[in-house]
């Protein structure tokens, strides 16, 4: 799990925590010799400070290819696309491209 801070419009800051999310496998997947890693995504939990009136926590997913996903994965519910979500995605992409 990693951690960093991003700056957002309207003097807001986002506290970003991220980690790997794997889709829950079924019982018979345990017996496979070759496991598929197609369902591995990076999950981001962003807490907004100072707290906005609408939402103070956002959950976003990114695929291995670097595309933002709107699907829920393994009980990880993704926040809907809105103005702040788009700003968060852009700030995370900028931060990661600098690393």
C-alpha atoms as a PDB file:
ATOM      1  CA  UNK A   1       0.000   0.000   0.000  1.00  0.00           C
ATOM      2  CA  UNK A   2       1.302   3.422  -0.926  1.00  0.00           C
ATOM      3  CA  UNK A   3       0.453   6.964   0.033  1.00  0.00           C
ATOM      4  CA  UNK A   4       0.768  10.455  -1.452  1.00  0.00           C
ATOM      5  CA  UNK A   5      -1.039  13.824  -1.458  1.00  0.00           C
ATOM      6  CA  UNK A   6      -2.506  15.657  -4.456  1.00  0.00           C
ATOM      7  CA  UNK A   7      -3.703  19.237  -4.917  1.00  0.00           C
ATOM      8  CA  UNK A   8      -7.192  19.746  -6.313  1.00  0.00           C
ATOM      9  CA  UNK A   9      -9.209  22.773  -7.509  1.00  0.00           C
ATOM     10  CA  UNK A  10     -10.873  25.105  -4.966  1.00  0.00           C
ATOM     11  CA  UNK A  11      -7.991  24.784  -2.455  1.00  0.00           C
ATOM     12  CA  UNK A  12      -8.771  21.136  -1.731  1.00  0.00           C
ATOM     13  CA  UNK A  13      -6.210  18.433  -1.036  1.00  0.00           C
ATOM     14  CA  UNK A  14      -6.580  14.727  -1.558  1.00  0.00           C
ATOM     15  CA  UNK A  15      -4.932  12.162   0.694  1.00  0.00           C
ATOM     16  CA  UNK A  16      -4.371   9.206  -1.675  1.00  0.00           C
ATOM     17  CA  UNK A  17      -3.810   5.630  -0.543  1.00  0.00           C
ATOM     18  CA  UNK A  18      -3.394   2.915  -3.143  1.00  0.00           C
ATOM     19  CA  UNK A  19      -2.794  -0.801  -3.450  1.00  0.00           C
ATOM     20  CA  UNK A  20      -3.369  -3.886  -5.580  1.00  0.00           C
ATOM     21  CA  UNK A  21      -6.853  -5.336  -5.845  1.00  0.00           C
ATOM     22  CA  UNK A  22      -7.431  -8.862  -7.120  1.00  0.00           C
ATOM     23  CA  UNK A  23     -10.788 -10.250  -8.106  1.00  0.00           C
ATOM     24  CA  UNK A  24     -11.979 -12.866  -5.659  1.00  0.00           C
ATOM     25  CA  UNK A  25     -11.443 -16.291  -7.152  1.00  0.00           C
ATOM     26  CA  UNK A  26     -13.753 -19.243  -6.957  1.00  0.00           C
ATOM     27  CA  UNK A  27     -12.876 -22.455  -5.162  1.00  0.00           C
ATOM     28  CA  UNK A  28     -11.878 -24.369  -8.298  1.00  0.00           C
ATOM     29  CA  UNK A  29      -9.444 -21.601  -9.314  1.00  0.00           C
ATOM     30  CA  UNK A  30      -7.313 -22.818  -6.418  1.00  0.00           C
ATOM     31  CA  UNK A  31      -6.539 -26.039  -8.289  1.00  0.00           C
ATOM     32  CA  UNK A  32      -5.410 -24.398 -11.525  1.00  0.00           C
ATOM     33  CA  UNK A  33      -1.727 -24.709 -12.268  1.00  0.00           C
ATOM     34  CA  UNK A  34      -1.512 -21.469 -14.236  1.00  0.00           C
ATOM     35  CA  UNK A  35      -3.250 -18.547 -12.586  1.00  0.00           C
ATOM     36  CA  UNK A  36      -4.563 -15.665 -14.634  1.00  0.00           C
ATOM     37  CA  UNK A  37      -3.498 -12.183 -13.584  1.00  0.00           C
ATOM     38  CA  UNK A  38      -6.026 -10.446 -15.853  1.00  0.00           C
ATOM     39  CA  UNK A  39      -8.129  -9.241 -12.935  1.00  0.00           C
ATOM     40  CA  UNK A  40      -5.410  -7.332 -11.067  1.00  0.00           C
ATOM     41  CA  UNK A  41      -6.122  -3.601 -10.715  1.00  0.00           C
ATOM     42  CA  UNK A  42      -4.816  -0.727  -8.653  1.00  0.00           C
ATOM     43  CA  UNK A  43      -7.345   0.653  -6.196  1.00  0.00           C
ATOM     44  CA  UNK A  44      -7.193   4.233  -4.930  1.00  0.00           C
ATOM     45  CA  UNK A  45      -8.956   5.606  -1.860  1.00  0.00           C
ATOM     46  CA  UNK A  46      -8.886   9.404  -1.780  1.00  0.00           C
ATOM     47  CA  UNK A  47      -9.984  11.441   1.231  1.00  0.00           C
ATOM     48  CA  UNK A  48     -10.675  15.103   0.502  1.00  0.00           C
ATOM     49  CA  UNK A  49      -9.609  17.811   2.973  1.00  0.00           C
ATOM     50  CA  UNK A  50     -11.109  20.183   3.968  1.00  0.00           C
ATOM     51  CA  UNK A  51     -14.261  18.115   3.760  1.00  0.00           C
ATOM     52  CA  UNK A  52     -16.488  19.114   0.877  1.00  0.00           C
ATOM     53  CA  UNK A  53     -20.234  19.081   1.357  1.00  0.00           C
ATOM     54  CA  UNK A  54     -20.921  16.447  -1.321  1.00  0.00           C
ATOM     55  CA  UNK A  55     -18.380  13.708  -0.809  1.00  0.00           C
ATOM     56  CA  UNK A  56     -15.275  13.344   1.327  1.00  0.00           C
ATOM     57  CA  UNK A  57     -14.069   9.908   0.139  1.00  0.00           C
ATOM     58  CA  UNK A  58     -13.615   8.661  -3.411  1.00  0.00           C
ATOM     59  CA  UNK A  59     -12.709   5.150  -4.603  1.00  0.00           C
ATOM     60  CA  UNK A  60     -11.209   4.665  -8.040  1.00  0.00           C
ATOM     61  CA  UNK A  61      -9.741   1.729 -10.000  1.00  0.00           C
ATOM     62  CA  UNK A  62      -7.056   1.625 -12.671  1.00  0.00           C
ATOM     63  CA  UNK A  63      -6.249  -1.384 -14.866  1.00  0.00           C
ATOM     64  CA  UNK A  64      -2.741  -2.755 -15.456  1.00  0.00           C
ATOM     65  CA  UNK A  65      -2.753  -0.918 -18.793  1.00  0.00           C
ATOM     66  CA  UNK A  66      -3.285   2.422 -17.026  1.00  0.00           C
ATOM     67  CA  UNK A  67      -6.940   2.935 -17.991  1.00  0.00           C
ATOM     68  CA  UNK A  68      -9.431   4.140 -15.402  1.00  0.00           C
ATOM     69  CA  UNK A  69     -12.160   1.568 -14.763  1.00  0.00           C
ATOM     70  CA  UNK A  70     -15.755   2.109 -13.733  1.00  0.00           C
ATOM     71  CA  UNK A  71     -16.334  -1.545 -12.781  1.00  0.00           C
ATOM     72  CA  UNK A  72     -16.525  -2.677  -9.191  1.00  0.00           C
ATOM     73  CA  UNK A  73     -13.934  -5.295  -8.288  1.00  0.00           C
ATOM     74  CA  UNK A  74     -13.960  -7.670  -5.369  1.00  0.00           C
ATOM     75  CA  UNK A  75     -16.321  -5.597  -3.236  1.00  0.00           C
ATOM     76  CA  UNK A  76     -14.441  -2.362  -4.018  1.00  0.00           C
ATOM     77  CA  UNK A  77     -17.183   0.054  -5.081  1.00  0.00           C
ATOM     78  CA  UNK A  78     -16.057   2.735  -7.514  1.00  0.00           C
ATOM     79  CA  UNK A  79     -17.193   6.342  -7.087  1.00  0.00           C
ATOM     80  CA  UNK A  80     -19.273   7.729  -9.976  1.00  0.00           C
ATOM     81  CA  UNK A  81     -17.697  10.123 -12.467  1.00  0.00           C
ATOM     82  CA  UNK A  82     -18.252  13.727 -11.489  1.00  0.00           C
ATOM     83  CA  UNK A  83     -16.254  16.956 -11.585  1.00  0.00           C
ATOM     84  CA  UNK A  84     -14.049  16.113  -8.591  1.00  0.00           C
ATOM     85  CA  UNK A  85     -13.456  12.499  -9.723  1.00  0.00           C
ATOM     86  CA  UNK A  86     -12.142  13.741 -13.063  1.00  0.00           C
ATOM     87  CA  UNK A  87      -9.844  16.233 -11.287  1.00  0.00           C
ATOM     88  CA  UNK A  88      -8.610  13.451  -8.967  1.00  0.00           C
ATOM     89  CA  UNK A  89      -7.869  11.120 -11.910  1.00  0.00           C
ATOM     90  CA  UNK A  90      -5.938  13.864 -13.679  1.00  0.00           C
ATOM     91  CA  UNK A  91      -3.920  14.723 -10.537  1.00  0.00           C
ATOM     92  CA  UNK A  92      -3.068  11.045  -9.926  1.00  0.00           C
ATOM     93  CA  UNK A  93      -1.992  10.588 -13.559  1.00  0.00           C
ATOM     94  CA  UNK A  94       0.228  13.689 -13.289  1.00  0.00           C
ATOM     95  CA  UNK A  95       1.757  12.464 -10.022  1.00  0.00           C
ATOM     96  CA  UNK A  96       2.464   8.988 -11.410  1.00  0.00           C
ATOM     97  CA  UNK A  97       3.986  10.332 -14.624  1.00  0.00           C
ATOM     98  CA  UNK A  98       6.465  12.371 -12.551  1.00  0.00           C
ATOM     99  CA  UNK A  99       7.582   9.309 -10.581  1.00  0.00           C
END
